[in-house]
Protein backbone atom coordinates (compact mmCIF):
# COMPACT_ATOMS: atom_id res chain seq x y z
CA MET A 1 -153.01 -28.79 48.37
CA LYS A 2 -149.27 -27.61 48.05
CA LEU A 3 -148.21 -24.07 48.28
CA HIS A 4 -145.52 -23.04 46.21
CA THR A 5 -143.83 -19.59 46.95
CA MET A 6 -141.98 -18.49 44.22
CA PRO A 7 -142.93 -14.94 42.46
CA GLN A 8 -145.59 -15.76 39.60
CA GLY A 9 -143.86 -14.86 36.46
CA SER A 10 -140.31 -16.22 37.38
CA PRO A 11 -138.51 -19.19 35.66
CA GLU A 12 -139.23 -21.43 38.35
CA TRP A 13 -143.02 -20.21 38.30
CA HIS A 14 -143.36 -21.10 34.75
CA ALA A 15 -141.55 -24.34 34.88
CA ILE A 16 -143.55 -25.52 37.92
CA ARG A 17 -146.53 -25.01 35.60
CA ALA A 18 -145.66 -27.01 32.36
CA GLY A 19 -147.77 -29.67 31.96
CA VAL A 20 -150.37 -28.85 34.78
CA ILE A 21 -154.19 -28.15 34.05
CA THR A 22 -154.40 -24.64 35.28
CA ALA A 23 -157.43 -22.51 36.39
CA SER A 24 -157.39 -19.93 33.98
CA ASN A 25 -157.71 -22.72 31.52
CA PHE A 26 -160.23 -24.45 33.76
CA ALA A 27 -163.43 -23.25 31.67
CA LEU A 28 -161.17 -24.19 28.41
CA ALA A 29 -160.83 -28.11 29.53
CA ARG A 30 -164.49 -28.40 30.34
CA GLU A 31 -165.75 -26.82 26.68
CA ARG A 32 -168.15 -29.43 25.15
CA THR A 33 -169.99 -28.90 21.87
CA ALA A 34 -173.78 -29.18 21.57
CA LYS A 35 -173.48 -33.09 21.32
CA GLY A 36 -171.14 -33.17 24.38
CA ALA A 37 -167.82 -33.92 22.51
CA MET A 38 -164.52 -31.73 23.51
CA THR A 39 -164.40 -28.63 21.38
CA ALA A 40 -161.39 -28.19 18.75
CA ALA A 41 -160.02 -25.72 21.40
CA ALA A 42 -160.13 -27.97 24.42
CA LYS A 43 -158.20 -30.80 22.15
CA SER A 44 -155.49 -28.38 21.36
CA TYR A 45 -155.48 -27.59 25.10
CA ALA A 46 -155.05 -31.07 25.95
CA PHE A 47 -152.19 -31.74 23.30
CA ARG A 48 -150.63 -28.86 24.83
CA VAL A 49 -150.47 -30.06 28.14
CA ALA A 50 -149.37 -33.60 26.76
CA LEU A 51 -146.39 -32.19 25.17
CA GLU A 52 -145.43 -30.11 28.50
CA ARG A 53 -145.33 -33.19 30.27
CA ILE A 54 -143.20 -35.05 28.22
CA ALA A 55 -140.92 -32.62 27.93
CA GLY A 56 -141.29 -31.55 31.70
CA ALA A 57 -140.88 -27.74 30.64
CA PRO A 58 -143.14 -25.24 29.18
CA LEU A 59 -144.11 -24.84 25.52
CA GLU A 60 -143.54 -21.35 25.20
CA GLU A 61 -140.65 -19.47 26.17
CA PRO A 62 -140.82 -17.36 29.26
CA GLN A 63 -139.25 -14.42 27.91
CA PHE A 64 -142.02 -13.92 25.36
CA VAL A 65 -144.86 -12.44 27.02
CA PRO A 66 -147.89 -11.20 24.99
CA TRP A 67 -148.60 -7.58 25.32
CA GLN A 68 -152.27 -8.34 26.93
CA ALA A 69 -150.53 -10.45 29.73
CA ARG A 70 -147.79 -7.83 29.98
CA ARG A 71 -150.62 -5.18 30.71
CA GLY A 72 -151.87 -7.55 33.30
CA GLN A 73 -148.58 -7.85 35.22
CA ILE A 74 -148.26 -4.06 35.14
CA LEU A 75 -151.94 -3.30 36.38
CA GLU A 76 -152.48 -6.08 38.86
CA PRO A 77 -150.34 -4.84 41.55
CA VAL A 78 -151.95 -1.41 41.02
CA ALA A 79 -155.61 -3.85 41.37
CA ALA A 80 -154.35 -4.95 44.59
CA ARG A 81 -153.27 -2.08 46.33
CA LEU A 82 -156.49 -0.42 45.54
CA TYR A 83 -158.27 -3.13 46.74
CA GLU A 84 -156.12 -3.03 50.07
CA LEU A 85 -157.13 0.80 50.24
CA GLN A 86 -160.69 0.35 49.50
CA THR A 87 -161.16 -2.80 52.10
CA GLY A 88 -158.59 -2.58 54.60
CA ALA A 89 -157.52 -5.89 54.13
CA SER A 90 -154.00 -7.12 53.60
CA ILE A 91 -153.46 -9.71 50.65
CA THR A 92 -150.71 -12.18 51.10
CA PRO A 93 -148.83 -12.96 47.70
CA VAL A 94 -148.97 -16.55 46.22
CA GLY A 95 -146.77 -18.04 43.67
CA PHE A 96 -148.71 -21.32 42.50
CA VAL A 97 -151.10 -23.61 44.10
CA THR A 98 -151.64 -27.29 43.18
CA SER A 99 -153.61 -30.43 43.99
CA ASP A 100 -151.57 -33.32 46.01
CA CYS A 101 -151.63 -34.85 42.73
CA GLY A 102 -149.86 -31.95 40.94
CA ARG A 103 -152.01 -32.04 37.77
CA PHE A 104 -154.28 -29.04 38.70
CA GLY A 105 -153.15 -25.65 39.87
CA ALA A 106 -153.81 -22.20 40.13
CA SER A 107 -152.06 -18.93 40.50
CA PRO A 108 -153.92 -16.73 42.61
CA ASP A 109 -153.63 -12.95 42.82
CA GLY A 110 -153.58 -13.52 46.72
CA LEU A 111 -154.89 -14.86 49.92
CA VAL A 112 -156.73 -12.63 52.36
CA ALA A 113 -156.92 -13.80 55.96
CA ASP A 114 -157.40 -17.37 56.88
CA ASP A 115 -160.63 -18.22 54.52
CA ALA A 116 -160.44 -15.79 51.38
CA GLY A 117 -158.62 -15.01 48.27
CA VAL A 118 -158.83 -12.48 45.38
CA GLU A 119 -158.45 -12.50 41.46
CA PHE A 120 -158.24 -9.36 39.62
CA LYS A 121 -158.66 -8.79 35.69
CA ALA A 122 -157.99 -5.69 33.86
CA PHE A 123 -160.30 -6.45 30.50
CA LEU A 124 -160.57 -4.24 27.41
CA ASN A 125 -163.62 -5.80 26.16
CA ALA A 126 -166.17 -3.61 26.48
CA ASP A 127 -168.95 -6.24 26.64
CA LYS A 128 -167.21 -8.09 29.49
CA ILE A 129 -166.73 -4.74 31.55
CA ARG A 130 -170.26 -3.80 30.86
CA ASP A 131 -171.54 -7.03 32.24
CA ILE A 132 -169.35 -7.41 35.01
CA ILE A 133 -169.97 -3.59 36.20
CA LEU A 134 -173.80 -3.57 35.37
CA THR A 135 -175.02 -6.81 36.10
CA GLY A 136 -172.37 -8.63 38.33
CA ASP A 137 -171.97 -11.46 35.31
CA ILE A 138 -168.16 -12.68 36.05
CA GLY A 139 -169.28 -15.86 33.95
CA SER A 140 -166.60 -16.04 32.00
CA CYS A 141 -164.14 -16.38 35.12
CA ILE A 142 -166.14 -18.23 37.49
CA ASP A 143 -164.44 -21.68 36.85
CA GLN A 144 -161.17 -19.58 37.62
CA VAL A 145 -162.72 -18.42 40.89
CA GLN A 146 -164.21 -21.67 42.22
CA GLY A 147 -161.12 -23.46 41.09
CA GLY A 148 -159.24 -21.10 43.36
CA MET A 149 -161.51 -22.06 46.33
CA TRP A 150 -161.35 -25.68 45.26
CA LEU A 151 -157.49 -25.94 45.20
CA THR A 152 -156.90 -23.47 48.19
CA GLY A 153 -159.76 -25.11 50.44
CA ARG A 154 -161.09 -21.67 51.15
CA HIS A 155 -164.88 -20.55 51.05
CA ARG A 156 -164.98 -16.81 49.91
CA TRP A 157 -163.32 -15.11 47.11
CA THR A 158 -163.23 -11.61 45.93
CA PHE A 159 -163.20 -11.08 42.16
CA GLY A 160 -161.99 -7.33 41.14
CA LEU A 161 -162.23 -5.75 37.86
CA LEU A 162 -159.74 -3.01 37.28
CA CYS A 163 -160.75 -0.55 34.59
CA PRO A 164 -158.87 2.68 34.82
CA ALA A 165 -161.13 4.16 32.33
CA LEU A 166 -163.59 4.85 35.23
CA ALA A 167 -161.37 6.53 37.50
CA PRO A 168 -162.89 10.08 36.94
CA ILE A 169 -166.28 8.65 38.62
CA GLY A 170 -164.42 6.74 41.21
CA ARG A 171 -165.18 3.41 39.72
CA ALA A 172 -161.64 2.08 38.67
CA LEU A 173 -161.97 -0.88 40.74
CA THR A 174 -165.21 -2.89 41.07
CA LEU A 175 -165.41 -6.00 43.17
CA HIS A 176 -167.90 -8.86 43.60
CA GLU A 177 -167.67 -11.44 46.41
CA ILE A 178 -168.31 -15.09 45.11
CA ASP A 179 -169.17 -17.96 47.99
CA ARG A 180 -167.64 -21.47 47.38
CA ASP A 181 -170.04 -23.48 45.73
CA ASP A 182 -169.18 -27.22 46.28
CA ALA A 183 -171.83 -28.39 43.89
CA GLN A 184 -170.35 -26.50 41.13
CA ILE A 185 -166.90 -27.69 42.22
CA GLU A 186 -167.84 -31.21 42.63
CA GLN A 187 -169.14 -31.06 39.05
CA MET A 188 -165.91 -29.15 37.99
CA ALA A 189 -163.56 -31.30 39.59
CA ALA A 190 -165.49 -34.61 37.77
CA GLU A 191 -165.16 -32.92 34.55
CA LEU A 192 -161.33 -31.89 34.98
CA GLN A 193 -160.40 -35.25 36.12
CA GLN A 194 -161.97 -36.71 32.55
CA PHE A 195 -159.85 -34.19 30.80
CA ASP A 196 -156.85 -34.95 32.81
CA ALA A 197 -157.39 -38.58 31.55
CA HIS A 198 -157.76 -37.51 28.11
CA VAL A 199 -154.37 -35.79 28.43
CA GLU A 200 -152.83 -38.94 29.75
CA THR A 201 -154.24 -41.06 26.71
CA ILE A 202 -152.52 -38.48 24.44
CA VAL A 203 -149.12 -38.68 26.47
CA ALA A 204 -149.31 -42.69 26.12
CA SER A 205 -149.95 -42.37 22.63
CA LEU A 206 -146.95 -40.02 22.04
CA ARG A 207 -144.52 -42.32 24.03
CA GLU A 208 -145.70 -45.28 21.52
CA LEU A 209 -144.25 -43.68 18.87
CA SER A 210 -140.90 -42.89 21.05
CA GLY A 211 -137.37 -43.61 19.77
CA PRO A 212 -134.19 -42.77 21.00
CA ASP A 213 -133.51 -39.68 23.28
CA GLN A 214 -132.88 -36.63 21.31
CA ARG A 215 -132.30 -34.00 23.86
CA GLU A 216 -128.45 -33.84 23.80
CA LEU A 217 -128.62 -33.88 19.77
CA ILE A 218 -131.08 -30.70 19.58
CA ALA A 219 -129.00 -29.07 22.10
CA SER A 220 -125.53 -29.67 20.11
CA LEU A 221 -127.18 -28.82 17.10
CA MET A 222 -128.48 -25.15 18.43
CA PRO A 223 -125.55 -23.06 18.58
CA GLU A 224 -124.87 -23.97 14.78
CA LEU A 225 -128.40 -22.27 13.45
CA PRO A 226 -128.20 -18.85 12.17
CA GLU A 227 -129.36 -16.24 14.29
CA ARG A 228 -132.34 -15.29 11.90
CA SER A 229 -133.82 -18.69 12.66
CA VAL A 230 -133.70 -17.99 16.30
CA GLY A 231 -134.75 -14.53 16.47
CA ALA A 232 -133.18 -11.29 16.33
CA GLY A 233 -131.38 -10.69 19.51
CA ILE A 234 -132.12 -13.92 21.06
CA ASP A 235 -129.01 -15.87 22.38
CA PRO A 236 -129.45 -19.53 21.42
CA ASP A 237 -128.22 -20.83 24.57
CA SER A 238 -130.96 -18.80 26.36
CA ILE A 239 -133.55 -20.71 24.80
CA VAL A 240 -135.18 -23.62 27.13
CA LEU A 241 -135.94 -26.66 25.05
CA PHE A 242 -136.52 -29.47 28.08
């Protein structure tokens, strides 16, 4: 693996993730229909990754953060500190981890000791909260958890659900310990390799349509755009296109 130490959410972090199939999307990349074909959502994700590989930059601008993601950014440090208080363990922050080939990556919420890691979520969906707390079902996140162990080579992962609504009964943080499943990882890695091959096919198809490099032309035209076409209060020069 390759460990990158920039802060999560920083411009450098966004840049290094561009064109990488990330652990939070491993389950999406593996989505198939009943007949075994890629779902429409998986195809859309593949096309997005292909665009980023060509551009060498993220498709979305780092300054635009959905409120759900912003909520997670605020609550993650709370969950991490609560975890340390409850367990006595110390979390080592991680920026981004990639496979040696650089095409697969993860942003663990932290590494613990020599052989463990942590992933925290702060879901608002009542069904997900119920399943995680009452039955221990973290199925929707298991690919991300096993993916973190695959990329880091670690053997134990703690999944933590932060639910501030349960603070009055002392259950603000629910923890589940997950062991590495090499059989599951082997199958997941094989399917992700197939997904990556599909992404590369898209990249090749787009490059066959290529013409002269237009990056300088587009950059030169940007200052001429009226403010309303960019977004109120957004400096056109701050927008990263490539």
